[in-house]
Protein backbone atom coordinates (compact mmCIF):
# COMPACT_ATOMS: atom_id res chain seq x y z
CA MET A 1 18.65 100.68 -60.32
CA LEU A 2 16.61 97.56 -60.91
CA LYS A 3 19.74 95.66 -61.87
CA LEU A 4 21.47 96.76 -58.65
CA LEU A 5 18.58 95.49 -56.51
CA VAL A 6 18.60 92.14 -58.28
CA ARG A 7 22.36 91.73 -57.75
CA ARG A 8 22.01 92.51 -54.00
CA ARG A 9 19.09 90.05 -53.72
CA CYS A 10 21.10 87.31 -55.37
CA ARG A 11 24.11 87.97 -53.11
CA ASN A 12 21.86 87.72 -50.02
CA ILE A 13 20.38 84.42 -51.19
CA ALA A 14 23.80 83.01 -52.03
CA GLY A 15 25.14 84.11 -48.66
CA GLY A 16 22.26 82.45 -46.92
CA LEU A 17 22.81 79.20 -48.78
CA LEU A 18 26.54 79.29 -47.97
CA LEU A 19 25.82 79.90 -44.30
CA ALA A 20 23.37 76.98 -44.19
CA LEU A 21 25.91 74.70 -45.80
CA LEU A 22 28.59 75.75 -43.29
CA LEU A 23 26.24 75.14 -40.32
CA SER A 24 25.29 71.73 -41.67
CA ALA A 25 28.91 70.77 -42.12
CA CYS A 26 29.73 71.86 -38.55
CA GLN A 27 26.86 69.82 -37.12
CA SER A 28 27.95 66.73 -39.06
CA GLY A 29 31.48 67.10 -37.79
CA HIS A 30 30.34 67.38 -34.16
CA GLN A 31 28.10 64.30 -34.58
CA ARG A 32 30.98 62.23 -36.00
CA GLN A 33 33.22 63.30 -33.10
CA ALA A 34 30.53 62.32 -30.58
CA GLU A 35 30.02 58.94 -32.19
CA GLN A 36 33.76 58.24 -32.16
CA ALA A 37 34.05 59.27 -28.51
CA ALA A 38 31.05 57.23 -27.32
CA PRO A 39 31.71 53.53 -26.40
CA THR A 40 30.31 50.89 -28.69
CA VAL A 41 27.22 49.25 -27.16
CA PRO A 42 26.59 45.70 -28.38
CA PRO A 43 23.06 44.79 -29.41
CA PRO A 44 20.95 43.09 -26.70
CA LEU A 45 21.22 39.31 -26.45
CA ALA A 46 18.26 37.32 -27.61
CA ALA A 47 16.19 36.25 -24.61
CA GLN A 48 16.43 32.54 -23.88
CA ALA A 49 13.14 30.70 -23.80
CA ALA A 50 12.06 29.76 -20.28
CA PRO A 51 11.64 26.03 -19.67
CA SER A 52 8.09 24.95 -20.25
CA LEU A 53 6.21 23.77 -17.17
CA ALA A 54 3.24 22.50 -19.14
CA ARG A 55 2.59 18.78 -19.35
CA PRO A 56 3.66 17.18 -22.63
CA ASP A 57 1.01 16.64 -25.24
CA SER A 58 -0.45 13.21 -24.65
CA SER A 59 -0.75 12.72 -28.40
CA VAL A 60 3.03 12.85 -28.76
CA ALA A 61 4.78 9.67 -27.73
CA ALA A 62 7.20 10.31 -24.89
CA PRO A 63 10.68 8.79 -25.14
CA ALA A 64 10.94 5.44 -23.41
CA ARG A 65 12.74 5.47 -20.06
CA PRO A 66 15.78 3.26 -19.65
CA GLU A 67 14.77 -0.04 -18.13
CA LYS A 68 17.32 0.30 -15.34
CA GLN A 69 15.31 3.24 -13.98
CA THR A 70 12.03 1.39 -13.63
CA LEU A 71 12.67 -0.32 -10.32
CA PHE A 72 9.74 0.72 -8.17
CA PRO A 73 11.07 3.49 -5.88
CA ASP A 74 9.11 2.36 -2.84
CA SER A 75 10.82 -1.02 -3.07
CA LEU A 76 14.13 0.66 -2.29
CA ARG A 77 12.99 2.83 0.59
CA PRO A 78 14.71 1.53 3.74
CA ILE A 79 12.24 0.49 6.43
CA GLU A 80 13.52 0.08 9.96
CA LEU A 81 12.10 -2.92 11.76
CA PRO A 82 10.92 -3.34 15.34
CA VAL A 83 13.47 -5.63 16.98
CA ASP A 84 14.08 -7.37 20.30
CA TYR A 85 17.34 -9.02 21.29
CA TRP A 86 17.73 -12.34 23.11
CA THR A 87 20.55 -14.48 24.36
CA GLY A 88 20.83 -18.13 23.40
CA PRO A 89 19.49 -19.44 26.77
CA GLN A 90 16.56 -17.01 26.60
CA LEU A 91 15.67 -18.25 23.13
CA ASP A 92 15.81 -21.85 24.34
CA SER A 93 13.30 -20.91 27.05
CA ILE A 94 11.03 -19.31 24.44
CA ARG A 95 11.17 -22.47 22.35
CA ALA A 96 10.31 -24.63 25.35
CA ALA A 97 7.31 -22.42 26.16
CA VAL A 98 6.04 -22.64 22.57
CA LEU A 99 6.29 -26.44 22.54
CA LEU A 100 4.56 -26.63 25.92
CA GLU A 101 1.65 -24.58 24.57
CA ALA A 102 1.56 -26.66 21.41
CA ASP A 103 1.35 -29.90 23.41
CA SER A 104 -1.57 -28.50 25.38
CA LEU A 105 -3.50 -27.58 22.24
CA GLU A 106 -2.49 -30.31 19.82
CA PRO A 107 -2.80 -33.94 20.82
CA ASP A 108 -0.77 -34.96 17.78
CA ALA A 109 2.89 -34.71 18.68
CA ALA A 110 3.89 -34.26 15.03
CA ILE A 111 1.63 -31.21 14.70
CA SER A 112 2.79 -29.65 17.95
CA ALA A 113 6.43 -30.14 16.95
CA SER A 114 5.76 -28.28 13.69
CA TRP A 115 5.27 -25.09 15.68
CA VAL A 116 9.05 -24.91 15.67
CA GLU A 117 9.31 -24.42 11.92
CA LEU A 118 13.02 -23.70 11.66
CA TRP A 119 15.80 -24.13 14.17
CA THR A 120 19.36 -23.67 12.94
CA ASP A 121 22.42 -22.01 14.42
CA ARG A 122 21.68 -18.82 12.49
CA CYS A 123 17.94 -18.61 11.85
CA ARG A 124 14.91 -19.77 13.83
CA VAL A 125 11.18 -19.48 13.16
CA LEU A 126 8.46 -20.19 15.70
CA SER A 127 4.68 -20.10 15.33
CA ALA A 128 1.67 -20.67 17.52
CA ASP A 129 -1.03 -22.04 15.23
CA GLU A 130 -2.15 -21.74 11.63
CA TYR A 131 -3.88 -18.42 12.29
CA SER A 132 -1.12 -16.69 14.24
CA GLY A 133 1.88 -14.72 13.12
CA LYS A 134 5.44 -15.92 12.95
CA ARG A 135 8.32 -15.18 15.26
CA LEU A 136 11.57 -14.84 13.35
CA PHE A 137 14.96 -14.88 15.08
CA PHE A 138 18.24 -14.29 13.29
CA ARG A 139 21.82 -14.17 14.51
CA PRO A 140 24.31 -12.52 12.13
CA LEU A 141 27.61 -14.33 11.74
CA GLY A 142 29.98 -13.45 14.56
CA VAL A 143 27.25 -11.92 16.74
CA GLY A 144 26.35 -13.55 20.05
CA ARG A 145 22.79 -12.33 20.55
CA TRP A 146 19.67 -13.09 18.54
CA ALA A 147 17.54 -10.43 16.89
CA GLU A 148 13.79 -11.06 16.82
CA LEU A 149 12.28 -9.28 13.80
CA ASP A 150 8.63 -8.29 13.85
CA LEU A 151 7.26 -8.99 10.36
CA ASN A 152 3.63 -9.54 11.28
CA SER A 153 2.63 -6.18 9.81
CA TRP A 154 3.36 -7.62 6.37
CA LEU A 155 0.75 -10.29 6.99
CA GLU A 156 -1.82 -8.02 8.59
CA GLY A 157 -5.19 -9.31 7.49
CA TYR A 158 -3.54 -12.18 5.59
CA ASN A 159 -2.93 -14.38 8.62
CA SER A 160 -4.74 -17.47 7.38
CA LEU A 161 -2.23 -20.25 6.73
CA PRO A 162 0.77 -17.91 6.83
CA TYR A 163 4.20 -19.10 5.79
CA LEU A 164 7.70 -17.70 6.25
CA ASN A 165 10.96 -18.92 4.73
CA ALA A 166 14.29 -17.33 5.61
CA ARG A 167 17.95 -17.83 4.79
CA ALA A 168 21.15 -15.80 4.95
CA VAL A 169 22.54 -14.35 1.70
CA GLU A 170 25.49 -12.18 0.72
CA LEU A 171 24.58 -9.27 -1.51
CA ASP A 172 27.66 -7.04 -1.37
CA GLN A 173 30.17 -9.70 -0.25
CA ARG A 174 30.79 -7.78 2.98
CA PRO A 175 29.76 -8.75 6.49
CA PRO A 176 27.27 -8.90 7.97
CA GLN A 177 25.17 -11.09 5.72
CA GLU A 178 21.69 -10.06 4.62
CA LEU A 179 18.54 -12.07 5.27
CA LEU A 180 16.24 -13.19 2.45
CA ILE A 181 12.64 -13.71 3.53
CA GLU A 182 9.73 -15.13 1.57
CA LEU A 183 6.42 -14.81 3.36
CA GLY A 184 2.74 -14.71 2.62
CA GLY A 185 -0.72 -15.68 3.71
CA SER A 186 -4.37 -15.49 2.79
CA MET A 187 -7.65 -14.02 3.97
CA ALA A 188 -11.12 -15.38 3.30
CA GLY A 189 -14.71 -14.47 3.96
CA GLN A 190 -18.10 -14.15 2.30
CA GLY A 191 -17.26 -16.34 -0.65
CA GLN A 192 -13.98 -14.59 -1.42
CA ARG A 193 -10.35 -15.58 -0.83
CA GLU A 194 -7.23 -13.52 -1.43
CA MET A 195 -3.58 -14.50 -1.12
CA GLU A 196 -0.39 -12.43 -1.18
CA ASP A 197 3.29 -13.40 -1.42
CA TYR A 198 6.17 -11.07 -0.57
CA THR A 199 9.94 -11.00 -0.86
CA LEU A 200 12.00 -9.07 1.69
CA LEU A 201 15.72 -8.45 2.01
CA ILE A 202 16.97 -7.28 5.40
CA SER A 203 20.29 -5.61 6.14
CA PHE A 204 21.99 -5.77 9.54
CA LYS A 205 24.40 -2.92 8.97
CA GLY A 206 23.24 -0.75 11.82
CA PRO A 207 19.73 -1.36 13.15
CA PRO A 208 18.00 -4.11 11.15
CA HIS A 209 16.13 -2.59 8.22
CA ILE A 210 14.43 -3.75 5.05
CA ILE A 211 16.33 -2.80 1.87
CA TRP A 212 14.06 -4.56 -0.63
CA HIS A 213 10.39 -5.41 -0.42
CA SER A 214 8.11 -6.46 -3.24
CA LEU A 215 4.71 -8.04 -3.72
CA ASP A 216 5.48 -10.92 -6.07
CA GLY A 217 2.29 -12.94 -6.02
CA ALA A 218 -1.41 -12.20 -5.70
CA THR A 219 -4.43 -14.47 -6.07
CA GLU A 220 -8.12 -13.64 -6.05
CA GLU A 221 -10.85 -16.26 -5.84
CA ILE A 222 -14.52 -15.21 -5.82
CA SER A 223 -17.16 -17.92 -5.63
CA PRO A 224 -20.20 -17.64 -7.91
CA THR A 225 -23.53 -16.86 -6.26
CA ARG A 226 -26.93 -18.38 -6.85
CA THR A 227 -29.52 -16.02 -8.28
CA ALA A 228 -32.88 -15.58 -6.55
CA ASP A 229 -34.83 -15.74 -9.81
CA ASN A 230 -33.95 -19.11 -11.29
CA GLY A 231 -31.39 -20.46 -8.86
CA GLU A 232 -28.59 -20.49 -11.43
CA MET A 233 -25.01 -19.70 -10.48
CA GLU A 234 -23.54 -16.48 -11.77
CA GLY A 235 -20.55 -14.28 -11.17
CA GLY A 236 -17.38 -15.56 -9.63
CA ASN A 237 -13.81 -14.79 -10.62
CA TYR A 238 -10.31 -16.19 -10.53
CA ALA A 239 -7.18 -14.15 -11.12
CA ASP A 240 -3.54 -14.81 -10.35
CA ALA A 241 -0.38 -12.79 -10.99
CA ARG A 242 3.10 -13.77 -9.87
CA ARG A 243 6.76 -13.82 -10.70
CA LYS A 244 9.83 -15.54 -9.36
CA ILE A 245 12.57 -13.73 -7.47
CA THR A 246 15.72 -15.61 -6.58
CA VAL A 247 18.96 -14.60 -4.91
CA ARG A 248 22.21 -16.39 -5.69
CA HIS A 249 25.87 -15.43 -5.89
CA GLY A 250 25.12 -11.94 -4.59
CA ARG A 251 22.60 -11.12 -7.33
CA VAL A 252 18.84 -10.65 -7.26
CA TYR A 253 17.13 -12.22 -10.29
CA VAL A 254 13.68 -10.87 -11.12
CA GLY A 255 11.51 -12.91 -13.46
CA ARG A 256 8.64 -11.82 -15.66
CA VAL A 257 5.10 -11.52 -14.34
CA ARG A 258 2.68 -14.22 -15.44
CA GLN A 259 -0.95 -13.27 -15.04
CA GLU A 260 -4.13 -15.25 -15.44
CA GLY A 261 -7.51 -13.54 -15.43
CA LYS A 262 -8.37 -10.02 -14.34
CA PHE A 263 -8.58 -8.82 -10.76
CA GLU A 264 -11.90 -7.41 -9.68
CA SER A 265 -10.34 -5.89 -6.57
CA GLY A 266 -8.63 -3.22 -8.64
CA PRO A 267 -5.03 -2.28 -9.48
CA ASP A 268 -3.88 -2.52 -5.86
CA TYR A 269 -3.42 -6.22 -6.38
CA VAL A 270 -0.96 -5.89 -9.24
CA VAL A 271 2.51 -7.06 -8.23
CA THR A 272 5.18 -4.46 -7.58
CA PRO A 273 6.39 -3.13 -10.96
CA ILE A 274 10.05 -4.09 -11.30
CA THR A 275 11.79 -4.51 -14.64
CA PRO A 276 12.84 -8.15 -15.11
CA GLY A 277 16.57 -8.68 -14.97
CA THR A 278 19.56 -9.03 -12.67
CA TYR A 279 20.18 -6.59 -9.83
CA ALA A 280 23.32 -5.98 -7.79
CA TYR A 281 23.49 -4.32 -4.37
CA ARG A 282 26.41 -1.92 -4.10
CA ALA A 283 27.03 1.02 -1.75
CA GLY A 284 23.56 0.72 -0.29
CA ARG A 285 21.72 0.76 -3.62
CA PHE A 286 20.31 -1.75 -6.07
CA ARG A 287 21.26 -1.39 -9.72
CA ARG A 288 20.11 -3.39 -12.72
CA VAL A 289 23.25 -4.89 -14.23
CA ALA A 290 21.86 -7.32 -16.79
CA PRO A 291 18.56 -8.07 -18.56
């Protein structure tokens, strides 16, 4: 009897183990079928790092910019000019009126005649006296009327002994010609004198407008003062920074800045930062084409 019970118990255990194995095998088969039927999903792509908006570490040297990119942007910003137009006979009347005023103020005929500083068939410059602005007239080639360009804003405050030189140039070898202007002046007061020199290039394609403007010379002179204690002179300063800009054969040549002394007036008196070299004007833009 005991043997019979043991045999039955063993059969029950074996049957249970067999049933568990069969159920496990069925579940594995269903799982393999589901995996085969399901589409393959690729792993997620690695997220790309977002561009950093933080400023670069000042301790790490930044790569040097190409020199051709260092032309001061403001020097290329077109500036439309106030302009009046005159016929040839009207301009002759203006010249006569200027000379008449000069004769009434200057007994010296040579001085009064100098109020007409330039009088050619293309460009004319008139002035009143050494403390007044200049009147510039230009007639592009093939145009009958004269354009009077108001440049006095460039000499605002620097109207002591102003000067203005102008001549026609060809930058892109296409009409109309451009106008090269060199102008400057000084201001003085309370033991201090400052001078500025500018270069302008004016285009007449459409309304007259400035296509290049740069401060190319600055001078600061400060007289020493006498101290109240012992009467000795102290203080005073002299500083000068300038470069040469020339235009020939359709190219603008920018020289290197030569500076003497240090300006006490601050960085505003540093000349316009332009990389030295040769610049060409094409399609309305200046490009550095040679060192």
